[in-house]
Amino acid sequence: MQLYKINAEINMLCNNFQDSEEELDYLFRRLEELQIEKETKVLNICKLIKNINVDVEALKAEEKALNERRKVAENQINNLKRYLCNNAENVKIKDAQASLSWRKSESVYVGGEVPEAYQRVKIEPDKTKIKSALKNGEAVDNCSLVASNNPVIK
């Protein structure tokens, strides 16, 4: 039975029982069964979350390994292009499998501090400062503390 159905049945039993001894006995037995079923279901969900978390960690590790392999391959490409620039400049080759041609381009080299007029600034809210201010009773426009209850599964 799904967790929400267990909760619904518990609520239904608590709200719709008659005050007879026979029904009270059934009610307690059934509530105990439902509570055991609910705890089992919750425990199984926690185990599933832990299993999925292991998968997530493995995927992160694989993602990191793939990113490192990609960076190595990109560095190889850049090194080979630099090698061509140093040793085969203006050589043109055209073949069925590959071709080489050259085009002029311009780029800007920045070797130190740049005047402020030529800088981009990314503005982001400092959530740590905002939280501290709100906790100290200060009003911060368009900001509020939002409480949430998060499960901790170990």
C-alpha atoms as a PDB file:
ATOM      1  CA  MET A   1       0.000   0.000   0.000  1.00  0.00           C
ATOM      2  CA  GLN A   2       1.257   3.505  -0.786  1.00  0.00           C
ATOM      3  CA  LEU A   3       2.233   5.807   2.068  1.00  0.00           C
ATOM      4  CA  TYR A   4      -0.504   8.322   1.308  1.00  0.00           C
ATOM      5  CA  LYS A   5      -3.112   5.525   1.351  1.00  0.00           C
ATOM      6  CA  ILE A   6      -1.839   4.319   4.730  1.00  0.00           C
ATOM      7  CA  ASN A   7      -2.143   7.863   6.098  1.00  0.00           C
ATOM      8  CA  ALA A   8      -5.635   8.210   4.619  1.00  0.00           C
ATOM      9  CA  GLU A   9      -6.774   4.932   6.210  1.00  0.00           C
ATOM     10  CA  ILE A  10      -5.336   5.959   9.592  1.00  0.00           C
ATOM     11  CA  ASN A  11      -7.216   9.272   9.369  1.00  0.00           C
ATOM     12  CA  MET A  12     -10.409   7.515   8.290  1.00  0.00           C
ATOM     13  CA  LEU A  13     -10.206   5.025  11.168  1.00  0.00           C
ATOM     14  CA  CYS A  14      -9.562   7.744  13.735  1.00  0.00           C
ATOM     15  CA  ASN A  15     -12.423   9.921  12.478  1.00  0.00           C
ATOM     16  CA  ASN A  16     -15.083   7.252  11.886  1.00  0.00           C
ATOM     17  CA  PHE A  17     -15.080   4.814  14.780  1.00  0.00           C
ATOM     18  CA  GLN A  18     -17.994   3.992  17.073  1.00  0.00           C
ATOM     19  CA  ASP A  19     -17.399   3.799  20.794  1.00  0.00           C
ATOM     20  CA  SER A  20     -18.063   0.088  21.139  1.00  0.00           C
ATOM     21  CA  GLU A  21     -15.552  -2.250  22.762  1.00  0.00           C
ATOM     22  CA  GLU A  22     -15.561  -4.591  19.766  1.00  0.00           C
ATOM     23  CA  GLU A  23     -14.873  -1.805  17.307  1.00  0.00           C
ATOM     24  CA  LEU A  24     -12.292  -0.210  19.598  1.00  0.00           C
ATOM     25  CA  ASP A  25     -10.374  -3.499  19.710  1.00  0.00           C
ATOM     26  CA  TYR A  26     -10.439  -3.734  15.890  1.00  0.00           C
ATOM     27  CA  LEU A  27      -9.386  -0.090  15.654  1.00  0.00           C
ATOM     28  CA  PHE A  28      -6.303  -0.598  17.849  1.00  0.00           C
ATOM     29  CA  ARG A  29      -5.257  -3.754  15.986  1.00  0.00           C
ATOM     30  CA  ARG A  30      -5.702  -2.115  12.596  1.00  0.00           C
ATOM     31  CA  LEU A  31      -3.885   1.086  13.657  1.00  0.00           C
ATOM     32  CA  GLU A  32      -0.984  -1.019  14.941  1.00  0.00           C
ATOM     33  CA  GLU A  33      -0.859  -2.936  11.624  1.00  0.00           C
ATOM     34  CA  LEU A  34      -0.967   0.319   9.651  1.00  0.00           C
ATOM     35  CA  GLN A  35       1.742   1.886  11.816  1.00  0.00           C
ATOM     36  CA  ILE A  36       4.028  -1.121  11.244  1.00  0.00           C
ATOM     37  CA  GLU A  37       3.268  -0.994   7.505  1.00  0.00           C
ATOM     38  CA  LYS A  38       3.953   2.761   7.463  1.00  0.00           C
ATOM     39  CA  GLU A  39       7.286   2.389   9.274  1.00  0.00           C
ATOM     40  CA  THR A  40       8.301  -0.396   6.880  1.00  0.00           C
ATOM     41  CA  LYS A  41       7.343   1.745   3.882  1.00  0.00           C
ATOM     42  CA  VAL A  42       9.258   4.768   5.232  1.00  0.00           C
ATOM     43  CA  LEU A  43      12.317   2.611   5.946  1.00  0.00           C
ATOM     44  CA  ASN A  44      12.183   1.174   2.418  1.00  0.00           C
ATOM     45  CA  ILE A  45      11.969   4.689   0.957  1.00  0.00           C
ATOM     46  CA  CYS A  46      15.007   5.726   3.010  1.00  0.00           C
ATOM     47  CA  LYS A  47      16.914   2.677   1.739  1.00  0.00           C
ATOM     48  CA  LEU A  48      15.930   3.552  -1.832  1.00  0.00           C
ATOM     49  CA  ILE A  49      17.163   7.120  -1.342  1.00  0.00           C
ATOM     50  CA  LYS A  50      20.482   5.787  -0.042  1.00  0.00           C
ATOM     51  CA  ASN A  51      20.814   3.478  -3.060  1.00  0.00           C
ATOM     52  CA  ILE A  52      20.040   6.283  -5.486  1.00  0.00           C
ATOM     53  CA  ASN A  53      22.520   8.508  -3.631  1.00  0.00           C
ATOM     54  CA  VAL A  54      25.237   5.879  -4.210  1.00  0.00           C
ATOM     55  CA  ASP A  55      24.341   5.948  -7.924  1.00  0.00           C
ATOM     56  CA  VAL A  56      24.542   9.751  -7.925  1.00  0.00           C
ATOM     57  CA  GLU A  57      28.001   9.665  -6.346  1.00  0.00           C
ATOM     58  CA  ALA A  58      29.163   7.077  -8.890  1.00  0.00           C
ATOM     59  CA  LEU A  59      27.778   9.227 -11.710  1.00  0.00           C
ATOM     60  CA  LYS A  60      29.580  12.279 -10.314  1.00  0.00           C
ATOM     61  CA  ALA A  61      32.843  10.332 -10.244  1.00  0.00           C
ATOM     62  CA  GLU A  62      32.289   9.122 -13.808  1.00  0.00           C
ATOM     63  CA  GLU A  63      31.377  12.663 -14.868  1.00  0.00           C
ATOM     64  CA  LYS A  64      34.616  13.939 -13.305  1.00  0.00           C
ATOM     65  CA  ALA A  65      36.642  11.248 -15.071  1.00  0.00           C
ATOM     66  CA  LEU A  66      34.965  12.047 -18.408  1.00  0.00           C
ATOM     67  CA  ASN A  67      35.581  15.786 -17.909  1.00  0.00           C
ATOM     68  CA  GLU A  68      39.253  15.085 -17.259  1.00  0.00           C
ATOM     69  CA  ARG A  69      39.458  12.935 -20.412  1.00  0.00           C
ATOM     70  CA  ARG A  70      37.706  15.684 -22.397  1.00  0.00           C
ATOM     71  CA  LYS A  71      40.163  18.308 -21.101  1.00  0.00           C
ATOM     72  CA  VAL A  72      43.103  16.101 -22.066  1.00  0.00           C
ATOM     73  CA  ALA A  73      41.654  15.663 -25.577  1.00  0.00           C
ATOM     74  CA  GLU A  74      41.003  19.424 -25.888  1.00  0.00           C
ATOM     75  CA  ASN A  75      44.584  20.141 -24.783  1.00  0.00           C
ATOM     76  CA  GLN A  76      45.859  17.698 -27.403  1.00  0.00           C
ATOM     77  CA  ILE A  77      43.844  19.529 -30.067  1.00  0.00           C
ATOM     78  CA  ASN A  78      45.193  22.915 -28.938  1.00  0.00           C
ATOM     79  CA  ASN A  79      48.762  21.623 -28.832  1.00  0.00           C
ATOM     80  CA  LEU A  80      48.465  20.119 -32.318  1.00  0.00           C
ATOM     81  CA  LYS A  81      46.960  23.353 -33.684  1.00  0.00           C
ATOM     82  CA  ARG A  82      49.800  25.342 -32.115  1.00  0.00           C
ATOM     83  CA  TYR A  83      52.265  22.872 -33.631  1.00  0.00           C
ATOM     84  CA  LEU A  84      50.697  23.456 -37.068  1.00  0.00           C
ATOM     85  CA  CYS A  85      50.847  27.243 -36.555  1.00  0.00           C
ATOM     86  CA  ASN A  86      54.544  27.056 -35.694  1.00  0.00           C
ATOM     87  CA  ASN A  87      55.561  24.562 -38.369  1.00  0.00           C
ATOM     88  CA  ALA A  88      53.096  24.635 -41.253  1.00  0.00           C
ATOM     89  CA  GLU A  89      51.777  28.200 -41.458  1.00  0.00           C
ATOM     90  CA  ASN A  90      50.132  29.036 -44.795  1.00  0.00           C
ATOM     91  CA  VAL A  91      50.316  25.422 -46.016  1.00  0.00           C
ATOM     92  CA  LYS A  92      46.991  24.538 -47.619  1.00  0.00           C
ATOM     93  CA  ILE A  93      45.880  20.941 -47.921  1.00  0.00           C
ATOM     94  CA  LYS A  94      42.622  19.514 -49.179  1.00  0.00           C
ATOM     95  CA  ASP A  95      41.878  15.815 -48.991  1.00  0.00           C
ATOM     96  CA  ALA A  96      38.785  13.624 -48.763  1.00  0.00           C
ATOM     97  CA  GLN A  97      39.445  13.022 -45.067  1.00  0.00           C
ATOM     98  CA  ALA A  98      40.723  16.414 -43.911  1.00  0.00           C
ATOM     99  CA  SER A  99      41.599  19.861 -45.152  1.00  0.00           C
ATOM    100  CA  LEU A 100      43.732  22.697 -43.829  1.00  0.00           C
ATOM    101  CA  SER A 101      43.295  26.382 -44.611  1.00  0.00           C
ATOM    102  CA  TRP A 102      44.107  29.579 -42.743  1.00  0.00           C
ATOM    103  CA  ARG A 103      42.135  32.692 -41.825  1.00  0.00           C
ATOM    104  CA  LYS A 104      43.154  35.878 -40.091  1.00  0.00           C
ATOM    105  CA  SER A 105      41.674  36.711 -36.704  1.00  0.00           C
ATOM    106  CA  GLU A 106      42.253  39.166 -33.891  1.00  0.00           C
ATOM    107  CA  SER A 107      42.077  38.584 -30.161  1.00  0.00           C
ATOM    108  CA  VAL A 108      42.781  40.715 -27.116  1.00  0.00           C
ATOM    109  CA  TYR A 109      45.542  39.762 -24.714  1.00  0.00           C
ATOM    110  CA  VAL A 110      45.053  41.047 -21.157  1.00  0.00           C
ATOM    111  CA  GLY A 111      48.257  40.954 -19.155  1.00  0.00           C
ATOM    112  CA  GLY A 112      47.270  42.824 -16.010  1.00  0.00           C
ATOM    113  CA  GLU A 113      44.786  45.199 -14.386  1.00  0.00           C
ATOM    114  CA  VAL A 114      42.185  46.662 -16.768  1.00  0.00           C
ATOM    115  CA  PRO A 115      40.429  50.039 -16.274  1.00  0.00           C
ATOM    116  CA  GLU A 116      37.025  49.746 -14.621  1.00  0.00           C
ATOM    117  CA  ALA A 117      35.227  51.015 -17.725  1.00  0.00           C
ATOM    118  CA  TYR A 118      36.333  47.851 -19.539  1.00  0.00           C
ATOM    119  CA  GLN A 119      35.273  45.365 -16.873  1.00  0.00           C
ATOM    120  CA  ARG A 120      32.108  43.352 -16.431  1.00  0.00           C
ATOM    121  CA  VAL A 121      30.716  42.959 -12.954  1.00  0.00           C
ATOM    122  CA  LYS A 122      28.305  40.182 -12.085  1.00  0.00           C
ATOM    123  CA  ILE A 123      26.048  41.207  -9.226  1.00  0.00           C
ATOM    124  CA  GLU A 124      24.597  38.438  -7.087  1.00  0.00           C
ATOM    125  CA  PRO A 125      22.712  38.601  -3.806  1.00  0.00           C
ATOM    126  CA  ASP A 126      24.799  37.640  -0.755  1.00  0.00           C
ATOM    127  CA  LYS A 127      22.368  35.172   0.815  1.00  0.00           C
ATOM    128  CA  THR A 128      24.540  34.722   3.921  1.00  0.00           C
ATOM    129  CA  LYS A 129      24.422  38.449   4.709  1.00  0.00           C
ATOM    130  CA  ILE A 130      20.706  38.614   3.901  1.00  0.00           C
ATOM    131  CA  LYS A 131      19.959  35.671   6.217  1.00  0.00           C
ATOM    132  CA  SER A 132      21.989  37.233   9.017  1.00  0.00           C
ATOM    133  CA  ALA A 133      20.208  40.581   8.601  1.00  0.00           C
ATOM    134  CA  LEU A 134      16.763  38.964   8.559  1.00  0.00           C
ATOM    135  CA  LYS A 135      17.572  36.921  11.686  1.00  0.00           C
ATOM    136  CA  ASN A 136      18.654  40.151  13.422  1.00  0.00           C
ATOM    137  CA  GLY A 137      15.255  41.669  12.674  1.00  0.00           C
ATOM    138  CA  GLU A 138      16.326  43.922   9.826  1.00  0.00           C
ATOM    139  CA  ALA A 139      14.008  44.367   6.854  1.00  0.00           C
ATOM    140  CA  VAL A 140      15.529  43.498   3.479  1.00  0.00           C
ATOM    141  CA  ASP A 141      13.469  44.419   0.405  1.00  0.00           C
ATOM    142  CA  ASN A 142      12.087  41.443  -1.537  1.00  0.00           C
ATOM    143  CA  CYS A 143      13.639  38.946   0.893  1.00  0.00           C
ATOM    144  CA  SER A 144      12.234  36.703   3.596  1.00  0.00           C
ATOM    145  CA  LEU A 145      13.272  33.639   5.567  1.00  0.00           C
ATOM    146  CA  VAL A 146      11.604  30.449   4.418  1.00  0.00           C
ATOM    147  CA  ALA A 147      11.566  27.555   6.872  1.00  0.00           C
ATOM    148  CA  SER A 148      11.604  24.037   5.545  1.00  0.00           C
ATOM    149  CA  ASN A 149      11.852  20.581   7.005  1.00  0.00           C
ATOM    150  CA  ASN A 150      14.415  18.448   5.184  1.00  0.00           C
ATOM    151  CA  PRO A 151      14.923  14.709   5.725  1.00  0.00           C
ATOM    152  CA  VAL A 152      18.349  13.510   6.844  1.00  0.00           C
ATOM    153  CA  ILE A 153      19.020   9.973   5.699  1.00  0.00           C
ATOM    154  CA  LYS A 154      22.109   8.095   6.831  1.00  0.00           C
END
